[in-house]
Structures are given as C-alpha cells and as structure tokens.
Amino acid sequence: MTKTLRKGQTMVEYIIIVALIAVSLIAVFTYLSRAIGKKAAGATEALSSEEGNKAKSAADSISSDSIKSLGE
C-alpha cells in the first residue's frame, strides 16, 4: 500500500511541476509576443517605406521619351 501511495504522490508532483512550467511559458510567450509584434511592425513599415521610395525613383527615372521609343 505504501508503494502505491508513493507512486501517486510522485505523479501529483510531476503534474504540479508541468503545470508550473506551462503557466510560466504562457506568461513569457505573452510578454515576448508583444515585443516581437512591435519589432515586426517596425520592420514592415521600414521595408514598405523603402520599397515605396525605390518604386517612386524608378518611375521618375523613366521618361516619356524612353516609353515612346519602346513602342517603335
């Protein structure tokens, strides 16, 4: 009987440890998701602004004469 009680106690201890680890991981991932979200938003904004500037300068560099010469 003592051996059975010891196995049950050990199982409960493992369950408690796993639950504590799960709760702490959820807290860490929640905190990091905000930070990662802010970094991703900043990177996306920087890339879109950079791509927009490249597209504008490319459009400005094409003159109407070069477009006409393509048609000939």
C-alpha atoms as a PDB file:
ATOM      1  CA  MET A   1       0.000   0.000   0.000  1.00  0.00           C
ATOM      2  CA  THR A   2       2.832   2.388   0.798  1.00  0.00           C
ATOM      3  CA  LYS A   3       4.404   1.817  -2.606  1.00  0.00           C
ATOM      4  CA  THR A   4       1.102   2.680  -4.343  1.00  0.00           C
ATOM      5  CA  LEU A   5       0.741   5.898  -2.323  1.00  0.00           C
ATOM      6  CA  ARG A   6       4.299   6.881  -3.189  1.00  0.00           C
ATOM      7  CA  LYS A   7       3.630   6.391  -6.914  1.00  0.00           C
ATOM      8  CA  GLY A   8       0.526   8.571  -6.662  1.00  0.00           C
ATOM      9  CA  GLN A   9       2.416  11.250  -4.786  1.00  0.00           C
ATOM     10  CA  THR A  10       5.188  11.245  -7.375  1.00  0.00           C
ATOM     11  CA  MET A  11       2.650  11.559 -10.191  1.00  0.00           C
ATOM     12  CA  VAL A  12       0.993  14.541  -8.485  1.00  0.00           C
ATOM     13  CA  GLU A  13       4.379  16.204  -8.012  1.00  0.00           C
ATOM     14  CA  TYR A  14       5.167  15.777 -11.717  1.00  0.00           C
ATOM     15  CA  ILE A  15       1.769  17.197 -12.679  1.00  0.00           C
ATOM     16  CA  ILE A  16       2.344  20.242 -10.471  1.00  0.00           C
ATOM     17  CA  ILE A  17       5.783  20.816 -11.973  1.00  0.00           C
ATOM     18  CA  VAL A  18       4.447  20.516 -15.527  1.00  0.00           C
ATOM     19  CA  ALA A  19       1.593  22.911 -14.720  1.00  0.00           C
ATOM     20  CA  LEU A  20       4.008  25.497 -13.277  1.00  0.00           C
ATOM     21  CA  ILE A  21       6.239  25.235 -16.330  1.00  0.00           C
ATOM     22  CA  ALA A  22       3.223  25.615 -18.637  1.00  0.00           C
ATOM     23  CA  VAL A  23       1.969  28.717 -16.805  1.00  0.00           C
ATOM     24  CA  SER A  24       5.413  30.314 -16.831  1.00  0.00           C
ATOM     25  CA  LEU A  25       5.855  29.583 -20.555  1.00  0.00           C
ATOM     26  CA  ILE A  26       2.476  31.117 -21.336  1.00  0.00           C
ATOM     27  CA  ALA A  27       3.469  34.254 -19.405  1.00  0.00           C
ATOM     28  CA  VAL A  28       6.829  34.507 -21.187  1.00  0.00           C
ATOM     29  CA  PHE A  29       5.314  33.953 -24.644  1.00  0.00           C
ATOM     30  CA  THR A  30       2.605  36.547 -23.943  1.00  0.00           C
ATOM     31  CA  TYR A  31       5.231  39.106 -22.951  1.00  0.00           C
ATOM     32  CA  LEU A  32       7.501  38.293 -25.885  1.00  0.00           C
ATOM     33  CA  SER A  33       4.681  38.272 -28.415  1.00  0.00           C
ATOM     34  CA  ARG A  34       4.063  41.973 -27.753  1.00  0.00           C
ATOM     35  CA  ALA A  35       7.757  42.789 -28.164  1.00  0.00           C
ATOM     36  CA  ILE A  36       8.087  40.640 -31.279  1.00  0.00           C
ATOM     37  CA  GLY A  37       4.918  42.175 -32.715  1.00  0.00           C
ATOM     38  CA  LYS A  38       6.325  45.673 -32.268  1.00  0.00           C
ATOM     39  CA  LYS A  39       9.612  44.690 -33.914  1.00  0.00           C
ATOM     40  CA  ALA A  40       7.817  43.043 -36.843  1.00  0.00           C
ATOM     41  CA  ALA A  41       5.598  46.099 -37.322  1.00  0.00           C
ATOM     42  CA  GLY A  42       8.629  48.377 -37.337  1.00  0.00           C
ATOM     43  CA  ALA A  43      10.449  46.189 -39.846  1.00  0.00           C
ATOM     44  CA  THR A  44       7.379  46.011 -42.087  1.00  0.00           C
ATOM     45  CA  GLU A  45       6.975  49.779 -42.006  1.00  0.00           C
ATOM     46  CA  ALA A  46      10.650  50.326 -42.822  1.00  0.00           C
ATOM     47  CA  LEU A  47      10.531  47.875 -45.717  1.00  0.00           C
ATOM     48  CA  SER A  48       7.329  49.288 -47.187  1.00  0.00           C
ATOM     49  CA  SER A  49       8.675  52.842 -46.998  1.00  0.00           C
ATOM     50  CA  GLU A  50      11.952  51.736 -48.579  1.00  0.00           C
ATOM     51  CA  GLU A  51      10.148  49.878 -51.378  1.00  0.00           C
ATOM     52  CA  GLY A  52       7.897  52.876 -51.970  1.00  0.00           C
ATOM     53  CA  ASN A  53      10.875  55.170 -52.331  1.00  0.00           C
ATOM     54  CA  LYS A  54      12.539  52.754 -54.779  1.00  0.00           C
ATOM     55  CA  ALA A  55       9.389  52.494 -56.877  1.00  0.00           C
ATOM     56  CA  LYS A  56       8.983  56.282 -56.974  1.00  0.00           C
ATOM     57  CA  SER A  57      12.581  56.865 -58.030  1.00  0.00           C
ATOM     58  CA  ALA A  58      12.283  54.153 -60.699  1.00  0.00           C
ATOM     59  CA  ALA A  59       9.102  55.744 -62.033  1.00  0.00           C
ATOM     60  CA  ASP A  60      10.730  59.171 -62.053  1.00  0.00           C
ATOM     61  CA  SER A  61      13.754  57.852 -63.965  1.00  0.00           C
ATOM     62  CA  ILE A  62      11.604  56.594 -66.832  1.00  0.00           C
ATOM     63  CA  SER A  63      10.927  59.461 -69.159  1.00  0.00           C
ATOM     64  CA  SER A  64       8.151  59.668 -71.683  1.00  0.00           C
ATOM     65  CA  ASP A  65      10.749  59.589 -74.495  1.00  0.00           C
ATOM     66  CA  SER A  66      12.025  56.192 -73.388  1.00  0.00           C
ATOM     67  CA  ILE A  67       8.456  54.859 -73.266  1.00  0.00           C
ATOM     68  CA  LYS A  68       7.812  56.161 -76.810  1.00  0.00           C
ATOM     69  CA  SER A  69      10.990  54.528 -78.082  1.00  0.00           C
ATOM     70  CA  LEU A  70       9.841  51.180 -76.693  1.00  0.00           C
ATOM     71  CA  GLY A  71       6.767  51.338 -78.887  1.00  0.00           C
ATOM     72  CA  GLU A  72       8.785  51.786 -82.080  1.00  0.00           C
END
